[in-house]
């Protein structure tokens, strides 16, 4: 009997120890977990309040010279009343970069209700004449938009097909850049680059055809400009000029070839 009492007493003490240990663990867990839960509730309530407290009322675009603000709004898919707090600046920037006109877009939130978007646009570089359809292209040859009823700005015209004649088109873009560097573009009324094969690249400058070929455009155009004054002084009616060769220039008058 006495042995049984001792066993029961020992078992009760052990149970009390386990219960006390468990209670201490629960208290410790509560001390650690309750602040986290409270913080989560506060963040959730703040988030819910922010979603209704910061409606987008004003979008300011800067850096745009060709695209009007209304078109930029359509591109960005921004609407009045959008929540500024939850709006993703990265998503807005990514959406705007889908336009070929936009090279970069930096988006900044200005609480409580404004969004500032700084963009860098592509510059019109040349016109692409593709079977009678005119497109504005940038300095990398990418098509920005098709010209329909818009007045044609003075830009070099590239006649060719960038899809079927890619190599010639790439050379034509490089030639157009050289024409701009030499100042020839601002001195002439019409410049048309004929781009079908790189070796047969030619440019029609105010009615005079100049055979250019591929490469060394700055040098070739420099020699052309030197020759231009002599042609004017001699009043030679020119059929075409060939500057493809490094050591000579061929000038074909209307009735004969002068070398």
C-alpha atoms as a PDB file:
ATOM      1  CA  UNK A   1       0.000   0.000   0.000  1.00  0.00           C
ATOM      2  CA  UNK A   2       2.742   2.339   1.044  1.00  0.00           C
ATOM      3  CA  UNK A   3       4.600   1.591  -2.237  1.00  0.00           C
ATOM      4  CA  UNK A   4       1.491   2.378  -4.268  1.00  0.00           C
ATOM      5  CA  UNK A   5       1.060   5.724  -2.500  1.00  0.00           C
ATOM      6  CA  UNK A   6       4.660   6.666  -3.298  1.00  0.00           C
ATOM      7  CA  UNK A   7       4.174   5.715  -6.959  1.00  0.00           C
ATOM      8  CA  UNK A   8       0.979   7.794  -7.202  1.00  0.00           C
ATOM      9  CA  UNK A   9       2.658  10.764  -5.551  1.00  0.00           C
ATOM     10  CA  UNK A  10       5.624  10.585  -7.904  1.00  0.00           C
ATOM     11  CA  UNK A  11       3.294  10.304 -10.903  1.00  0.00           C
ATOM     12  CA  UNK A  12       1.303  13.358  -9.761  1.00  0.00           C
ATOM     13  CA  UNK A  13       4.452  15.421  -9.328  1.00  0.00           C
ATOM     14  CA  UNK A  14       5.668  14.466 -12.799  1.00  0.00           C
ATOM     15  CA  UNK A  15       2.316  15.396 -14.294  1.00  0.00           C
ATOM     16  CA  UNK A  16       2.406  18.752 -12.541  1.00  0.00           C
ATOM     17  CA  UNK A  17       5.922  19.352 -13.879  1.00  0.00           C
ATOM     18  CA  UNK A  18       4.829  18.541 -17.446  1.00  0.00           C
ATOM     19  CA  UNK A  19       1.788  20.785 -17.112  1.00  0.00           C
ATOM     20  CA  UNK A  20       3.902  23.621 -15.763  1.00  0.00           C
ATOM     21  CA  UNK A  21       6.451  23.212 -18.559  1.00  0.00           C
ATOM     22  CA  UNK A  22       3.706  23.178 -21.151  1.00  0.00           C
ATOM     23  CA  UNK A  23       2.124  26.275 -19.644  1.00  0.00           C
ATOM     24  CA  UNK A  24       5.460  28.106 -19.737  1.00  0.00           C
ATOM     25  CA  UNK A  25       5.923  27.168 -23.411  1.00  0.00           C
ATOM     26  CA  UNK A  26       2.437  28.407 -24.226  1.00  0.00           C
ATOM     27  CA  UNK A  27       3.124  31.699 -22.477  1.00  0.00           C
ATOM     28  CA  UNK A  28       6.443  32.072 -24.295  1.00  0.00           C
ATOM     29  CA  UNK A  29       4.810  31.310 -27.635  1.00  0.00           C
ATOM     30  CA  UNK A  30       2.054  33.796 -26.899  1.00  0.00           C
ATOM     31  CA  UNK A  31       4.615  36.489 -26.058  1.00  0.00           C
ATOM     32  CA  UNK A  32       6.378  35.836 -29.385  1.00  0.00           C
ATOM     33  CA  UNK A  33       3.378  35.262 -31.646  1.00  0.00           C
ATOM     34  CA  UNK A  34       0.911  37.874 -30.418  1.00  0.00           C
ATOM     35  CA  UNK A  35       3.063  40.876 -31.434  1.00  0.00           C
ATOM     36  CA  UNK A  36       3.517  39.329 -34.902  1.00  0.00           C
ATOM     37  CA  UNK A  37      -0.233  38.844 -35.241  1.00  0.00           C
ATOM     38  CA  UNK A  38      -0.842  42.362 -34.007  1.00  0.00           C
ATOM     39  CA  UNK A  39       1.686  43.763 -36.477  1.00  0.00           C
ATOM     40  CA  UNK A  40       0.053  41.782 -39.276  1.00  0.00           C
ATOM     41  CA  UNK A  41      -3.352  43.165 -38.352  1.00  0.00           C
ATOM     42  CA  UNK A  42      -1.989  46.722 -38.253  1.00  0.00           C
ATOM     43  CA  UNK A  43      -0.306  46.297 -41.650  1.00  0.00           C
ATOM     44  CA  UNK A  44      -3.484  44.833 -43.115  1.00  0.00           C
ATOM     45  CA  UNK A  45      -5.621  47.665 -41.751  1.00  0.00           C
ATOM     46  CA  UNK A  46      -3.105  50.246 -42.994  1.00  0.00           C
ATOM     47  CA  UNK A  47      -3.040  48.621 -46.402  1.00  0.00           C
ATOM     48  CA  UNK A  48      -6.825  48.619 -46.627  1.00  0.00           C
ATOM     49  CA  UNK A  49      -6.922  52.274 -45.565  1.00  0.00           C
ATOM     50  CA  UNK A  50      -4.190  53.186 -48.060  1.00  0.00           C
ATOM     51  CA  UNK A  51      -6.078  51.529 -50.899  1.00  0.00           C
ATOM     52  CA  UNK A  52      -8.960  53.922 -50.394  1.00  0.00           C
ATOM     53  CA  UNK A  53      -6.928  56.946 -49.290  1.00  0.00           C
ATOM     54  CA  UNK A  54      -4.648  57.573 -52.322  1.00  0.00           C
ATOM     55  CA  UNK A  55      -6.687  57.805 -55.547  1.00  0.00           C
ATOM     56  CA  UNK A  56      -4.697  58.892 -58.623  1.00  0.00           C
ATOM     57  CA  UNK A  57      -5.846  62.355 -59.723  1.00  0.00           C
ATOM     58  CA  UNK A  58      -2.909  63.767 -61.684  1.00  0.00           C
ATOM     59  CA  UNK A  59      -0.377  62.276 -64.130  1.00  0.00           C
ATOM     60  CA  UNK A  60       2.470  64.525 -65.296  1.00  0.00           C
ATOM     61  CA  UNK A  61       4.429  63.510 -68.419  1.00  0.00           C
ATOM     62  CA  UNK A  62       7.749  65.183 -69.219  1.00  0.00           C
ATOM     63  CA  UNK A  63      10.236  64.634 -72.031  1.00  0.00           C
ATOM     64  CA  UNK A  64       7.604  63.995 -74.715  1.00  0.00           C
ATOM     65  CA  UNK A  65       7.954  66.016 -77.914  1.00  0.00           C
ATOM     66  CA  UNK A  66       6.083  63.837 -80.432  1.00  0.00           C
ATOM     67  CA  UNK A  67       3.530  61.942 -78.335  1.00  0.00           C
ATOM     68  CA  UNK A  68       0.735  64.045 -76.719  1.00  0.00           C
ATOM     69  CA  UNK A  69      -0.182  63.464 -73.083  1.00  0.00           C
ATOM     70  CA  UNK A  70      -3.514  61.870 -73.947  1.00  0.00           C
ATOM     71  CA  UNK A  71      -1.837  59.262 -76.142  1.00  0.00           C
ATOM     72  CA  UNK A  72       0.684  58.566 -73.385  1.00  0.00           C
ATOM     73  CA  UNK A  73      -2.192  58.011 -70.959  1.00  0.00           C
ATOM     74  CA  UNK A  74      -3.689  55.474 -73.351  1.00  0.00           C
ATOM     75  CA  UNK A  75      -0.337  53.712 -73.781  1.00  0.00           C
ATOM     76  CA  UNK A  76       0.230  53.501 -70.018  1.00  0.00           C
ATOM     77  CA  UNK A  77      -3.392  52.414 -69.330  1.00  0.00           C
ATOM     78  CA  UNK A  78      -3.502  54.871 -66.382  1.00  0.00           C
ATOM     79  CA  UNK A  79      -6.931  56.045 -65.256  1.00  0.00           C
ATOM     80  CA  UNK A  80      -8.100  58.647 -62.794  1.00  0.00           C
ATOM     81  CA  UNK A  81      -9.055  56.961 -59.545  1.00  0.00           C
ATOM     82  CA  UNK A  82      -6.416  54.217 -59.797  1.00  0.00           C
ATOM     83  CA  UNK A  83      -4.928  53.575 -56.385  1.00  0.00           C
ATOM     84  CA  UNK A  84      -1.531  55.247 -56.168  1.00  0.00           C
ATOM     85  CA  UNK A  85      -0.429  53.111 -53.216  1.00  0.00           C
ATOM     86  CA  UNK A  86      -0.912  49.775 -54.966  1.00  0.00           C
ATOM     87  CA  UNK A  87       0.089  51.006 -58.431  1.00  0.00           C
ATOM     88  CA  UNK A  88       3.264  49.310 -59.716  1.00  0.00           C
ATOM     89  CA  UNK A  89       5.723  51.822 -61.158  1.00  0.00           C
ATOM     90  CA  UNK A  90       7.595  48.970 -62.854  1.00  0.00           C
ATOM     91  CA  UNK A  91       4.419  47.737 -64.569  1.00  0.00           C
ATOM     92  CA  UNK A  92       3.612  51.249 -65.830  1.00  0.00           C
ATOM     93  CA  UNK A  93       7.152  51.643 -67.207  1.00  0.00           C
ATOM     94  CA  UNK A  94       7.048  48.210 -68.852  1.00  0.00           C
ATOM     95  CA  UNK A  95       3.690  48.992 -70.454  1.00  0.00           C
ATOM     96  CA  UNK A  96       4.955  52.266 -71.910  1.00  0.00           C
ATOM     97  CA  UNK A  97       8.038  50.610 -73.393  1.00  0.00           C
ATOM     98  CA  UNK A  98       5.729  48.580 -75.642  1.00  0.00           C
ATOM     99  CA  UNK A  99       5.434  51.710 -77.797  1.00  0.00           C
ATOM    100  CA  UNK A 100       8.246  51.942 -80.405  1.00  0.00           C
ATOM    101  CA  UNK A 101       8.296  55.707 -79.819  1.00  0.00           C
ATOM    102  CA  UNK A 102       9.422  55.333 -76.184  1.00  0.00           C
ATOM    103  CA  UNK A 103      13.062  54.452 -75.448  1.00  0.00           C
ATOM    104  CA  UNK A 104      12.839  54.742 -71.639  1.00  0.00           C
ATOM    105  CA  UNK A 105      10.264  55.624 -68.972  1.00  0.00           C
ATOM    106  CA  UNK A 106      11.003  56.570 -65.361  1.00  0.00           C
ATOM    107  CA  UNK A 107       7.966  56.535 -63.067  1.00  0.00           C
ATOM    108  CA  UNK A 108       7.828  58.313 -59.684  1.00  0.00           C
ATOM    109  CA  UNK A 109       4.943  58.428 -57.212  1.00  0.00           C
ATOM    110  CA  UNK A 110       4.213  61.678 -55.413  1.00  0.00           C
ATOM    111  CA  UNK A 111       1.712  61.178 -52.634  1.00  0.00           C
ATOM    112  CA  UNK A 112      -1.100  61.779 -52.047  1.00  0.00           C
ATOM    113  CA  UNK A 113      -2.434  61.785 -55.626  1.00  0.00           C
ATOM    114  CA  UNK A 114       0.196  62.362 -58.356  1.00  0.00           C
ATOM    115  CA  UNK A 115       2.359  60.303 -60.684  1.00  0.00           C
ATOM    116  CA  UNK A 116       5.327  61.749 -62.595  1.00  0.00           C
ATOM    117  CA  UNK A 117       6.546  59.985 -65.729  1.00  0.00           C
ATOM    118  CA  UNK A 118       9.795  61.057 -67.398  1.00  0.00           C
ATOM    119  CA  UNK A 119      10.169  59.563 -70.870  1.00  0.00           C
ATOM    120  CA  UNK A 120      12.819  59.586 -73.574  1.00  0.00           C
ATOM    121  CA  UNK A 121      11.386  59.344 -77.053  1.00  0.00           C
ATOM    122  CA  UNK A 122      12.866  57.921 -80.221  1.00  0.00           C
ATOM    123  CA  UNK A 123      13.774  60.593 -82.770  1.00  0.00           C
ATOM    124  CA  UNK A 124      12.440  60.526 -86.356  1.00  0.00           C
ATOM    125  CA  UNK A 125      15.522  59.692 -88.411  1.00  0.00           C
ATOM    126  CA  UNK A 126      14.372  58.791 -91.915  1.00  0.00           C
ATOM    127  CA  UNK A 127      11.338  57.814 -93.963  1.00  0.00           C
ATOM    128  CA  UNK A 128      10.990  54.293 -95.264  1.00  0.00           C
ATOM    129  CA  UNK A 129       9.235  54.027 -98.629  1.00  0.00           C
ATOM    130  CA  UNK A 130       8.076  50.415 -98.852  1.00  0.00           C
ATOM    131  CA  UNK A 131       6.078  49.941-102.050  1.00  0.00           C
ATOM    132  CA  UNK A 132       4.444  53.356-101.764  1.00  0.00           C
ATOM    133  CA  UNK A 133       3.742  53.179 -98.031  1.00  0.00           C
ATOM    134  CA  UNK A 134       5.707  55.651 -95.923  1.00  0.00           C
ATOM    135  CA  UNK A 135       6.919  54.901 -92.392  1.00  0.00           C
ATOM    136  CA  UNK A 136       8.868  57.036 -89.941  1.00  0.00           C
ATOM    137  CA  UNK A 137      11.931  55.093 -88.715  1.00  0.00           C
ATOM    138  CA  UNK A 138      14.447  55.793 -85.938  1.00  0.00           C
ATOM    139  CA  UNK A 139      18.245  55.700 -86.089  1.00  0.00           C
ATOM    140  CA  UNK A 140      18.206  51.923 -85.602  1.00  0.00           C
ATOM    141  CA  UNK A 141      15.845  51.386 -88.502  1.00  0.00           C
ATOM    142  CA  UNK A 142      12.826  50.503 -86.360  1.00  0.00           C
ATOM    143  CA  UNK A 143       9.470  51.603 -87.735  1.00  0.00           C
ATOM    144  CA  UNK A 144       7.777  54.122 -85.426  1.00  0.00           C
ATOM    145  CA  UNK A 145       4.541  54.723 -87.287  1.00  0.00           C
ATOM    146  CA  UNK A 146       3.028  54.847 -90.764  1.00  0.00           C
ATOM    147  CA  UNK A 147       2.459  58.207 -92.378  1.00  0.00           C
ATOM    148  CA  UNK A 148      -1.023  58.612 -93.828  1.00  0.00           C
ATOM    149  CA  UNK A 149      -2.486  62.102 -93.970  1.00  0.00           C
ATOM    150  CA  UNK A 150       0.327  63.685 -91.962  1.00  0.00           C
ATOM    151  CA  UNK A 151       2.541  66.140 -93.860  1.00  0.00           C
ATOM    152  CA  UNK A 152       5.886  64.545 -94.727  1.00  0.00           C
ATOM    153  CA  UNK A 153       8.748  66.084 -92.712  1.00  0.00           C
ATOM    154  CA  UNK A 154      12.092  66.639 -94.428  1.00  0.00           C
ATOM    155  CA  UNK A 155      14.001  63.468 -93.783  1.00  0.00           C
ATOM    156  CA  UNK A 156      16.048  61.191 -96.041  1.00  0.00           C
ATOM    157  CA  UNK A 157      13.820  58.667 -97.800  1.00  0.00           C
ATOM    158  CA  UNK A 158      14.960  55.033 -97.921  1.00  0.00           C
ATOM    159  CA  UNK A 159      13.414  53.014-100.752  1.00  0.00           C
ATOM    160  CA  UNK A 160      13.592  49.326 -99.965  1.00  0.00           C
ATOM    161  CA  UNK A 161      12.189  46.444 -97.986  1.00  0.00           C
ATOM    162  CA  UNK A 162      13.763  45.820 -94.551  1.00  0.00           C
ATOM    163  CA  UNK A 163      12.219  42.352 -94.413  1.00  0.00           C
ATOM    164  CA  UNK A 164      13.397  41.014 -97.781  1.00  0.00           C
ATOM    165  CA  UNK A 165      16.503  43.213 -98.184  1.00  0.00           C
ATOM    166  CA  UNK A 166      17.763  43.377 -94.601  1.00  0.00           C
ATOM    167  CA  UNK A 167      21.485  43.797 -95.350  1.00  0.00           C
ATOM    168  CA  UNK A 168      20.854  46.648 -97.805  1.00  0.00           C
ATOM    169  CA  UNK A 169      18.475  48.317 -95.354  1.00  0.00           C
ATOM    170  CA  UNK A 170      21.058  48.175 -92.556  1.00  0.00           C
ATOM    171  CA  UNK A 171      23.615  49.816 -94.858  1.00  0.00           C
ATOM    172  CA  UNK A 172      21.052  52.460 -95.840  1.00  0.00           C
ATOM    173  CA  UNK A 173      20.576  53.419 -92.174  1.00  0.00           C
ATOM    174  CA  UNK A 174      24.354  53.811 -91.798  1.00  0.00           C
ATOM    175  CA  UNK A 175      24.468  55.921 -94.969  1.00  0.00           C
ATOM    176  CA  UNK A 176      21.639  58.134 -93.674  1.00  0.00           C
ATOM    177  CA  UNK A 177      23.632  58.708 -90.475  1.00  0.00           C
ATOM    178  CA  UNK A 178      26.684  59.734 -92.518  1.00  0.00           C
ATOM    179  CA  UNK A 179      24.542  62.099 -94.612  1.00  0.00           C
ATOM    180  CA  UNK A 180      23.406  63.791 -91.399  1.00  0.00           C
ATOM    181  CA  UNK A 181      26.971  64.012 -90.019  1.00  0.00           C
ATOM    182  CA  UNK A 182      28.338  65.670 -93.152  1.00  0.00           C
ATOM    183  CA  UNK A 183      25.582  68.304 -93.168  1.00  0.00           C
ATOM    184  CA  UNK A 184      24.410  67.207 -96.614  1.00  0.00           C
ATOM    185  CA  UNK A 185      20.876  66.653 -95.356  1.00  0.00           C
ATOM    186  CA  UNK A 186      20.342  70.308 -94.441  1.00  0.00           C
ATOM    187  CA  UNK A 187      21.707  71.559 -97.787  1.00  0.00           C
ATOM    188  CA  UNK A 188      19.480  69.547-100.131  1.00  0.00           C
ATOM    189  CA  UNK A 189      15.768  69.538-100.898  1.00  0.00           C
ATOM    190  CA  UNK A 190      15.363  65.775-101.402  1.00  0.00           C
ATOM    191  CA  UNK A 191      17.566  62.810-100.616  1.00  0.00           C
ATOM    192  CA  UNK A 192      16.441  59.307-101.524  1.00  0.00           C
ATOM    193  CA  UNK A 193      18.546  56.264-100.664  1.00  0.00           C
ATOM    194  CA  UNK A 194      17.932  53.325-102.982  1.00  0.00           C
ATOM    195  CA  UNK A 195      18.571  50.154-100.990  1.00  0.00           C
ATOM    196  CA  UNK A 196      18.161  46.809-102.739  1.00  0.00           C
ATOM    197  CA  UNK A 197      21.668  45.323-102.593  1.00  0.00           C
ATOM    198  CA  UNK A 198      24.545  46.612-100.421  1.00  0.00           C
ATOM    199  CA  UNK A 199      27.005  46.713-103.339  1.00  0.00           C
ATOM    200  CA  UNK A 200      24.488  48.648-105.448  1.00  0.00           C
ATOM    201  CA  UNK A 201      23.537  51.174-102.764  1.00  0.00           C
ATOM    202  CA  UNK A 202      22.831  54.554-104.374  1.00  0.00           C
ATOM    203  CA  UNK A 203      21.419  57.908-103.371  1.00  0.00           C
ATOM    204  CA  UNK A 204      19.391  60.353-105.446  1.00  0.00           C
ATOM    205  CA  UNK A 205      20.328  63.881-104.350  1.00  0.00           C
ATOM    206  CA  UNK A 206      18.062  66.525-105.876  1.00  0.00           C
ATOM    207  CA  UNK A 207      17.753  64.479-109.074  1.00  0.00           C
ATOM    208  CA  UNK A 208      21.414  63.429-109.377  1.00  0.00           C
ATOM    209  CA  UNK A 209      22.083  59.716-108.785  1.00  0.00           C
ATOM    210  CA  UNK A 210      25.234  58.944-106.806  1.00  0.00           C
ATOM    211  CA  UNK A 211      26.432  55.334-106.731  1.00  0.00           C
ATOM    212  CA  UNK A 212      27.768  54.749-103.213  1.00  0.00           C
ATOM    213  CA  UNK A 213      28.164  51.005-102.647  1.00  0.00           C
ATOM    214  CA  UNK A 214      28.691  49.606 -99.144  1.00  0.00           C
ATOM    215  CA  UNK A 215      30.871  51.124 -96.404  1.00  0.00           C
ATOM    216  CA  UNK A 216      33.243  54.109 -95.950  1.00  0.00           C
ATOM    217  CA  UNK A 217      30.346  56.545 -96.252  1.00  0.00           C
ATOM    218  CA  UNK A 218      32.004  59.549 -94.608  1.00  0.00           C
ATOM    219  CA  UNK A 219      34.963  59.329 -96.968  1.00  0.00           C
ATOM    220  CA  UNK A 220      32.786  58.863-100.050  1.00  0.00           C
ATOM    221  CA  UNK A 221      30.481  61.731 -99.162  1.00  0.00           C
ATOM    222  CA  UNK A 222      33.474  63.947 -98.391  1.00  0.00           C
ATOM    223  CA  UNK A 223      34.877  63.332-101.883  1.00  0.00           C
ATOM    224  CA  UNK A 224      31.419  63.978-103.334  1.00  0.00           C
ATOM    225  CA  UNK A 225      31.199  67.359-101.604  1.00  0.00           C
ATOM    226  CA  UNK A 226      34.634  68.338-102.939  1.00  0.00           C
ATOM    227  CA  UNK A 227      33.564  67.375-106.464  1.00  0.00           C
ATOM    228  CA  UNK A 228      30.238  69.200-106.187  1.00  0.00           C
ATOM    229  CA  UNK A 229      31.814  72.660-106.373  1.00  0.00           C
ATOM    230  CA  UNK A 230      33.781  71.737-109.491  1.00  0.00           C
ATOM    231  CA  UNK A 231      30.664  70.386-111.215  1.00  0.00           C
ATOM    232  CA  UNK A 232      28.798  73.595-110.437  1.00  0.00           C
ATOM    233  CA  UNK A 233      31.683  75.741-111.709  1.00  0.00           C
ATOM    234  CA  UNK A 234      31.902  73.798-114.973  1.00  0.00           C
ATOM    235  CA  UNK A 235      28.102  73.609-115.300  1.00  0.00           C
ATOM    236  CA  UNK A 236      28.202  69.953-116.237  1.00  0.00           C
ATOM    237  CA  UNK A 237      24.731  68.354-116.748  1.00  0.00           C
ATOM    238  CA  UNK A 238      25.267  65.165-114.734  1.00  0.00           C
ATOM    239  CA  UNK A 239      23.572  61.829-115.388  1.00  0.00           C
ATOM    240  CA  UNK A 240      25.188  60.062-112.427  1.00  0.00           C
ATOM    241  CA  UNK A 241      28.260  60.104-110.171  1.00  0.00           C
ATOM    242  CA  UNK A 242      30.098  56.972-109.020  1.00  0.00           C
ATOM    243  CA  UNK A 243      32.162  57.229-105.809  1.00  0.00           C
ATOM    244  CA  UNK A 244      32.454  53.513-105.071  1.00  0.00           C
ATOM    245  CA  UNK A 245      36.159  53.349-105.927  1.00  0.00           C
ATOM    246  CA  UNK A 246      38.810  54.591-103.500  1.00  0.00           C
ATOM    247  CA  UNK A 247      41.200  56.084-106.100  1.00  0.00           C
ATOM    248  CA  UNK A 248      38.781  57.695-108.552  1.00  0.00           C
ATOM    249  CA  UNK A 249      35.397  59.299-109.050  1.00  0.00           C
ATOM    250  CA  UNK A 250      33.386  58.713-112.188  1.00  0.00           C
ATOM    251  CA  UNK A 251      31.116  61.502-113.421  1.00  0.00           C
ATOM    252  CA  UNK A 252      28.787  60.649-116.293  1.00  0.00           C
ATOM    253  CA  UNK A 253      27.432  63.739-118.036  1.00  0.00           C
ATOM    254  CA  UNK A 254      24.283  63.410-120.034  1.00  0.00           C
ATOM    255  CA  UNK A 255      26.124  62.407-123.235  1.00  0.00           C
ATOM    256  CA  UNK A 256      29.584  61.140-122.179  1.00  0.00           C
ATOM    257  CA  UNK A 257      31.688  59.814-119.313  1.00  0.00           C
ATOM    258  CA  UNK A 258      34.341  62.057-117.763  1.00  0.00           C
ATOM    259  CA  UNK A 259      36.970  60.460-115.525  1.00  0.00           C
END
